[in-house]
Amino acid sequence: MAERPDNPNADAPLEEPPDEQVVHHVSQRKKRKKGVGGEEIELNLTSMIDVIFQLLIYFVITANFQIDEGTILATLPGNAAENREQQNIEPPVVIELTSGDDGITSRLIVDGRELREGVAQLRGYFEGQIGSGEMAKDDIVQIKPQGVVRWQHVVNVFNACVAAELEQVGFAPS
């Protein structure tokens, strides 16, 4: 009988294991590493590293690097106060759109002048202003809906401005 030296009860005899074969668990990972004949499979990294370096060299050679890549060109004014005085900024043309008493009709006022025929008259009005030279196509036009105007009226005014070939049409802040 064998005795354990680290056992505090050294006088007690150890039991002998039975004659049965002990089955140990083999992990799936170890099973996969084994080849057909039981030898371990090794991955050949040399050829894979070769291919990676060839791809790297190919992409470096074929890449087209630009000299000014990543730079943003900006021209800043020398003195902002002088530039403001030199520019004559014209106020925008304001189109006020108000709802009628019945909530269905709308009133259209362009720079203080009421257009009685509404949107139907708006395109002709702007074409006349551009034709006479009082207004340019790139002048700023702001649509300013007042109160509870139906959205369709606002869209109609915008479409009339675009039909008159105005380039800078927007909505006034409320």
C-alpha atoms as a PDB file:
ATOM      1  CA  MET A   1       0.000   0.000   0.000  1.00  0.00           C
ATOM      2  CA  ALA A   2       1.241   3.453  -0.856  1.00  0.00           C
ATOM      3  CA  GLU A   3       1.159   6.243   1.653  1.00  0.00           C
ATOM      4  CA  ARG A   4       0.805   9.945   1.081  1.00  0.00           C
ATOM      5  CA  PRO A   5       3.458  12.064   2.765  1.00  0.00           C
ATOM      6  CA  ASP A   6       1.242  15.181   2.923  1.00  0.00           C
ATOM      7  CA  ASN A   7      -1.607  13.300   4.540  1.00  0.00           C
ATOM      8  CA  PRO A   8      -1.892  14.143   8.257  1.00  0.00           C
ATOM      9  CA  ASN A   9      -3.339  10.734   8.835  1.00  0.00           C
ATOM     10  CA  ALA A  10      -0.298   8.933   7.459  1.00  0.00           C
ATOM     11  CA  ASP A  11      -1.068   5.754   9.309  1.00  0.00           C
ATOM     12  CA  ALA A  12      -4.268   5.149   7.299  1.00  0.00           C
ATOM     13  CA  PRO A  13      -3.709   3.094   4.166  1.00  0.00           C
ATOM     14  CA  LEU A  14      -4.805   4.437   0.774  1.00  0.00           C
ATOM     15  CA  GLU A  15      -7.318   2.567  -1.287  1.00  0.00           C
ATOM     16  CA  GLU A  16      -6.121   1.127  -4.546  1.00  0.00           C
ATOM     17  CA  PRO A  17      -7.996   2.290  -7.679  1.00  0.00           C
ATOM     18  CA  PRO A  18     -10.149  -0.363  -9.272  1.00  0.00           C
ATOM     19  CA  ASP A  19      -8.848  -2.243 -12.267  1.00  0.00           C
ATOM     20  CA  GLU A  20     -11.394  -0.506 -14.521  1.00  0.00           C
ATOM     21  CA  GLN A  21     -10.116   1.846 -17.172  1.00  0.00           C
ATOM     22  CA  VAL A  22     -10.584   5.535 -16.267  1.00  0.00           C
ATOM     23  CA  VAL A  23     -12.243   7.551 -19.092  1.00  0.00           C
ATOM     24  CA  HIS A  24     -11.071  11.157 -19.454  1.00  0.00           C
ATOM     25  CA  HIS A  25     -12.986  13.845 -21.322  1.00  0.00           C
ATOM     26  CA  VAL A  26     -11.301  15.098 -24.504  1.00  0.00           C
ATOM     27  CA  SER A  27     -12.336  18.627 -25.528  1.00  0.00           C
ATOM     28  CA  GLN A  28     -13.682  19.353 -28.974  1.00  0.00           C
ATOM     29  CA  ARG A  29     -10.784  21.737 -29.634  1.00  0.00           C
ATOM     30  CA  LYS A  30      -8.228  18.966 -29.078  1.00  0.00           C
ATOM     31  CA  LYS A  31     -10.232  16.621 -31.283  1.00  0.00           C
ATOM     32  CA  ARG A  32     -10.179  19.200 -34.100  1.00  0.00           C
ATOM     33  CA  LYS A  33      -6.411  19.698 -33.823  1.00  0.00           C
ATOM     34  CA  LYS A  34      -5.779  16.043 -34.509  1.00  0.00           C
ATOM     35  CA  GLY A  35      -5.374  14.987 -38.105  1.00  0.00           C
ATOM     36  CA  VAL A  36      -6.420  11.740 -39.700  1.00  0.00           C
ATOM     37  CA  GLY A  37      -3.513   9.761 -38.370  1.00  0.00           C
ATOM     38  CA  GLY A  38      -3.579  11.347 -34.929  1.00  0.00           C
ATOM     39  CA  GLU A  39      -0.812  13.888 -35.612  1.00  0.00           C
ATOM     40  CA  GLU A  40      -1.480  17.538 -34.821  1.00  0.00           C
ATOM     41  CA  ILE A  41      -2.311  19.904 -37.694  1.00  0.00           C
ATOM     42  CA  GLU A  42      -0.246  23.085 -37.868  1.00  0.00           C
ATOM     43  CA  LEU A  43      -1.128  26.171 -39.857  1.00  0.00           C
ATOM     44  CA  ASN A  44       1.607  27.317 -42.221  1.00  0.00           C
ATOM     45  CA  LEU A  45       1.795  31.054 -41.542  1.00  0.00           C
ATOM     46  CA  THR A  46       4.742  31.712 -43.860  1.00  0.00           C
ATOM     47  CA  SER A  47       2.707  31.532 -47.060  1.00  0.00           C
ATOM     48  CA  MET A  48      -0.113  33.604 -45.548  1.00  0.00           C
ATOM     49  CA  ILE A  49       2.332  36.342 -44.498  1.00  0.00           C
ATOM     50  CA  ASP A  50       3.806  36.253 -48.022  1.00  0.00           C
ATOM     51  CA  VAL A  51       0.381  36.891 -49.564  1.00  0.00           C
ATOM     52  CA  ILE A  52      -0.378  39.710 -47.107  1.00  0.00           C
ATOM     53  CA  PHE A  53       2.887  41.500 -47.934  1.00  0.00           C
ATOM     54  CA  GLN A  54       2.235  41.129 -51.667  1.00  0.00           C
ATOM     55  CA  LEU A  55      -1.222  42.681 -51.246  1.00  0.00           C
ATOM     56  CA  LEU A  56       0.235  45.478 -49.138  1.00  0.00           C
ATOM     57  CA  ILE A  57       2.866  46.261 -51.772  1.00  0.00           C
ATOM     58  CA  TYR A  58       0.225  46.183 -54.527  1.00  0.00           C
ATOM     59  CA  PHE A  59      -2.048  48.660 -52.713  1.00  0.00           C
ATOM     60  CA  VAL A  60       0.812  51.018 -51.847  1.00  0.00           C
ATOM     61  CA  ILE A  61       2.041  51.076 -55.440  1.00  0.00           C
ATOM     62  CA  THR A  62      -1.423  51.576 -56.995  1.00  0.00           C
ATOM     63  CA  ALA A  63      -2.603  54.198 -54.471  1.00  0.00           C
ATOM     64  CA  ASN A  64      -2.851  57.742 -55.773  1.00  0.00           C
ATOM     65  CA  PHE A  65      -1.792  60.150 -53.035  1.00  0.00           C
ATOM     66  CA  GLN A  66      -2.544  63.807 -53.576  1.00  0.00           C
ATOM     67  CA  ILE A  67      -0.278  66.524 -52.225  1.00  0.00           C
ATOM     68  CA  ASP A  68      -2.992  68.699 -50.709  1.00  0.00           C
ATOM     69  CA  GLU A  69      -5.167  65.871 -49.458  1.00  0.00           C
ATOM     70  CA  GLY A  70      -6.892  66.756 -46.208  1.00  0.00           C
ATOM     71  CA  THR A  71      -6.392  70.526 -46.390  1.00  0.00           C
ATOM     72  CA  ILE A  72      -9.294  72.924 -46.581  1.00  0.00           C
ATOM     73  CA  LEU A  73      -8.699  76.137 -48.450  1.00  0.00           C
ATOM     74  CA  ALA A  74     -10.262  79.167 -46.809  1.00  0.00           C
ATOM     75  CA  THR A  75      -9.948  82.824 -47.624  1.00  0.00           C
ATOM     76  CA  LEU A  76     -10.605  84.962 -44.599  1.00  0.00           C
ATOM     77  CA  PRO A  77     -11.341  88.659 -44.898  1.00  0.00           C
ATOM     78  CA  GLY A  78      -8.661  91.059 -43.709  1.00  0.00           C
ATOM     79  CA  ASN A  79     -10.973  93.362 -41.790  1.00  0.00           C
ATOM     80  CA  ALA A  80     -14.618  92.382 -41.442  1.00  0.00           C
ATOM     81  CA  ALA A  81     -15.824  95.913 -40.631  1.00  0.00           C
ATOM     82  CA  GLU A  82     -14.470  97.354 -43.888  1.00  0.00           C
ATOM     83  CA  ASN A  83     -16.039  94.572 -45.933  1.00  0.00           C
ATOM     84  CA  ARG A  84     -19.470  95.213 -44.417  1.00  0.00           C
ATOM     85  CA  GLU A  85     -19.347  98.868 -45.334  1.00  0.00           C
ATOM     86  CA  GLN A  86     -18.386  98.134 -48.934  1.00  0.00           C
ATOM     87  CA  GLN A  87     -21.196  95.652 -49.509  1.00  0.00           C
ATOM     88  CA  ASN A  88     -24.619  97.102 -50.150  1.00  0.00           C
ATOM     89  CA  ILE A  89     -26.862  94.312 -48.971  1.00  0.00           C
ATOM     90  CA  GLU A  90     -30.393  94.842 -50.153  1.00  0.00           C
ATOM     91  CA  PRO A  91     -33.177  93.760 -47.833  1.00  0.00           C
ATOM     92  CA  PRO A  92     -35.048  90.662 -48.973  1.00  0.00           C
ATOM     93  CA  VAL A  93     -38.365  90.813 -50.763  1.00  0.00           C
ATOM     94  CA  VAL A  94     -40.904  89.703 -48.139  1.00  0.00           C
ATOM     95  CA  ILE A  95     -44.090  87.943 -49.177  1.00  0.00           C
ATOM     96  CA  GLU A  96     -46.613  88.032 -46.322  1.00  0.00           C
ATOM     97  CA  LEU A  97     -49.281  85.397 -46.523  1.00  0.00           C
ATOM     98  CA  THR A  98     -52.268  85.787 -44.206  1.00  0.00           C
ATOM     99  CA  SER A  99     -55.391  83.714 -43.828  1.00  0.00           C
ATOM    100  CA  GLY A 100     -58.816  85.139 -44.615  1.00  0.00           C
ATOM    101  CA  ASP A 101     -61.658  85.256 -42.116  1.00  0.00           C
ATOM    102  CA  ASP A 102     -63.134  82.037 -43.463  1.00  0.00           C
ATOM    103  CA  GLY A 103     -59.830  80.139 -43.100  1.00  0.00           C
ATOM    104  CA  ILE A 104     -59.893  79.020 -46.739  1.00  0.00           C
ATOM    105  CA  THR A 105     -58.850  82.103 -48.654  1.00  0.00           C
ATOM    106  CA  SER A 106     -55.568  83.932 -48.214  1.00  0.00           C
ATOM    107  CA  ARG A 107     -54.239  87.472 -48.636  1.00  0.00           C
ATOM    108  CA  LEU A 108     -50.923  88.061 -50.356  1.00  0.00           C
ATOM    109  CA  ILE A 109     -48.805  91.154 -49.591  1.00  0.00           C
ATOM    110  CA  VAL A 110     -45.478  91.649 -51.410  1.00  0.00           C
ATOM    111  CA  ASP A 111     -43.295  94.410 -49.908  1.00  0.00           C
ATOM    112  CA  GLY A 112     -46.355  96.222 -48.555  1.00  0.00           C
ATOM    113  CA  ARG A 113     -48.334  95.974 -51.821  1.00  0.00           C
ATOM    114  CA  GLU A 114     -51.382  93.699 -51.749  1.00  0.00           C
ATOM    115  CA  LEU A 115     -51.907  91.443 -54.749  1.00  0.00           C
ATOM    116  CA  ARG A 116     -55.683  91.145 -55.070  1.00  0.00           C
ATOM    117  CA  GLU A 117     -55.654  88.159 -57.402  1.00  0.00           C
ATOM    118  CA  GLY A 118     -53.337  86.271 -55.060  1.00  0.00           C
ATOM    119  CA  VAL A 119     -51.016  83.556 -56.305  1.00  0.00           C
ATOM    120  CA  ALA A 120     -52.291  83.830 -59.872  1.00  0.00           C
ATOM    121  CA  GLN A 121     -50.875  87.374 -60.043  1.00  0.00           C
ATOM    122  CA  LEU A 122     -47.606  86.614 -58.188  1.00  0.00           C
ATOM    123  CA  ARG A 123     -45.664  85.029 -61.057  1.00  0.00           C
ATOM    124  CA  GLY A 124     -46.522  87.866 -63.436  1.00  0.00           C
ATOM    125  CA  TYR A 125     -45.615  90.432 -60.765  1.00  0.00           C
ATOM    126  CA  PHE A 126     -42.118  88.986 -60.317  1.00  0.00           C
ATOM    127  CA  GLU A 127     -41.557  88.565 -64.065  1.00  0.00           C
ATOM    128  CA  GLY A 128     -42.505  92.234 -64.511  1.00  0.00           C
ATOM    129  CA  GLN A 129     -40.110  93.308 -61.723  1.00  0.00           C
ATOM    130  CA  ILE A 130     -37.251  91.307 -63.269  1.00  0.00           C
ATOM    131  CA  GLY A 131     -38.054  92.555 -66.797  1.00  0.00           C
ATOM    132  CA  SER A 132     -38.024  96.212 -65.687  1.00  0.00           C
ATOM    133  CA  GLY A 133     -34.717  95.780 -63.834  1.00  0.00           C
ATOM    134  CA  GLU A 134     -36.171  96.589 -60.397  1.00  0.00           C
ATOM    135  CA  MET A 135     -35.363  93.074 -59.277  1.00  0.00           C
ATOM    136  CA  ALA A 136     -32.794  90.433 -60.207  1.00  0.00           C
ATOM    137  CA  LYS A 137     -33.312  86.665 -60.332  1.00  0.00           C
ATOM    138  CA  ASP A 138     -30.777  86.195 -57.535  1.00  0.00           C
ATOM    139  CA  ASP A 139     -32.456  88.612 -55.116  1.00  0.00           C
ATOM    140  CA  ILE A 140     -33.465  87.066 -51.803  1.00  0.00           C
ATOM    141  CA  VAL A 141     -37.194  86.350 -51.459  1.00  0.00           C
ATOM    142  CA  GLN A 142     -38.670  85.374 -48.092  1.00  0.00           C
ATOM    143  CA  ILE A 143     -42.096  83.834 -47.671  1.00  0.00           C
ATOM    144  CA  LYS A 144     -43.602  84.775 -44.315  1.00  0.00           C
ATOM    145  CA  PRO A 145     -46.837  82.935 -43.480  1.00  0.00           C
ATOM    146  CA  GLN A 146     -48.878  84.656 -40.765  1.00  0.00           C
ATOM    147  CA  GLY A 147     -51.231  82.925 -38.339  1.00  0.00           C
ATOM    148  CA  VAL A 148     -52.930  79.729 -39.428  1.00  0.00           C
ATOM    149  CA  VAL A 149     -52.467  79.776 -43.181  1.00  0.00           C
ATOM    150  CA  ARG A 150     -53.217  76.558 -45.036  1.00  0.00           C
ATOM    151  CA  TRP A 151     -50.055  74.763 -46.094  1.00  0.00           C
ATOM    152  CA  GLN A 152     -51.294  74.504 -49.680  1.00  0.00           C
ATOM    153  CA  HIS A 153     -51.297  78.328 -49.977  1.00  0.00           C
ATOM    154  CA  VAL A 154     -47.658  78.461 -48.823  1.00  0.00           C
ATOM    155  CA  VAL A 155     -46.684  75.781 -51.359  1.00  0.00           C
ATOM    156  CA  ASN A 156     -48.516  77.650 -54.121  1.00  0.00           C
ATOM    157  CA  VAL A 157     -46.601  80.859 -53.325  1.00  0.00           C
ATOM    158  CA  PHE A 158     -43.300  78.953 -53.339  1.00  0.00           C
ATOM    159  CA  ASN A 159     -44.140  77.314 -56.685  1.00  0.00           C
ATOM    160  CA  ALA A 160     -45.048  80.695 -58.210  1.00  0.00           C
ATOM    161  CA  CYS A 161     -41.647  82.074 -57.137  1.00  0.00           C
ATOM    162  CA  VAL A 162     -39.849  79.098 -58.672  1.00  0.00           C
ATOM    163  CA  ALA A 163     -41.914  79.440 -61.867  1.00  0.00           C
ATOM    164  CA  ALA A 164     -40.745  83.079 -62.085  1.00  0.00           C
ATOM    165  CA  GLU A 165     -37.174  81.645 -62.044  1.00  0.00           C
ATOM    166  CA  LEU A 166     -36.214  83.244 -58.725  1.00  0.00           C
ATOM    167  CA  GLU A 167     -33.071  81.538 -57.391  1.00  0.00           C
ATOM    168  CA  GLN A 168     -33.054  82.409 -53.663  1.00  0.00           C
ATOM    169  CA  VAL A 169     -36.481  81.649 -52.265  1.00  0.00           C
ATOM    170  CA  GLY A 170     -36.784  80.792 -48.581  1.00  0.00           C
ATOM    171  CA  PHE A 171     -38.962  81.122 -45.529  1.00  0.00           C
ATOM    172  CA  ALA A 172     -38.702  83.988 -43.048  1.00  0.00           C
ATOM    173  CA  PRO A 173     -37.949  83.023 -39.447  1.00  0.00           C
ATOM    174  CA  SER A 174     -41.025  83.181 -37.265  1.00  0.00           C
END
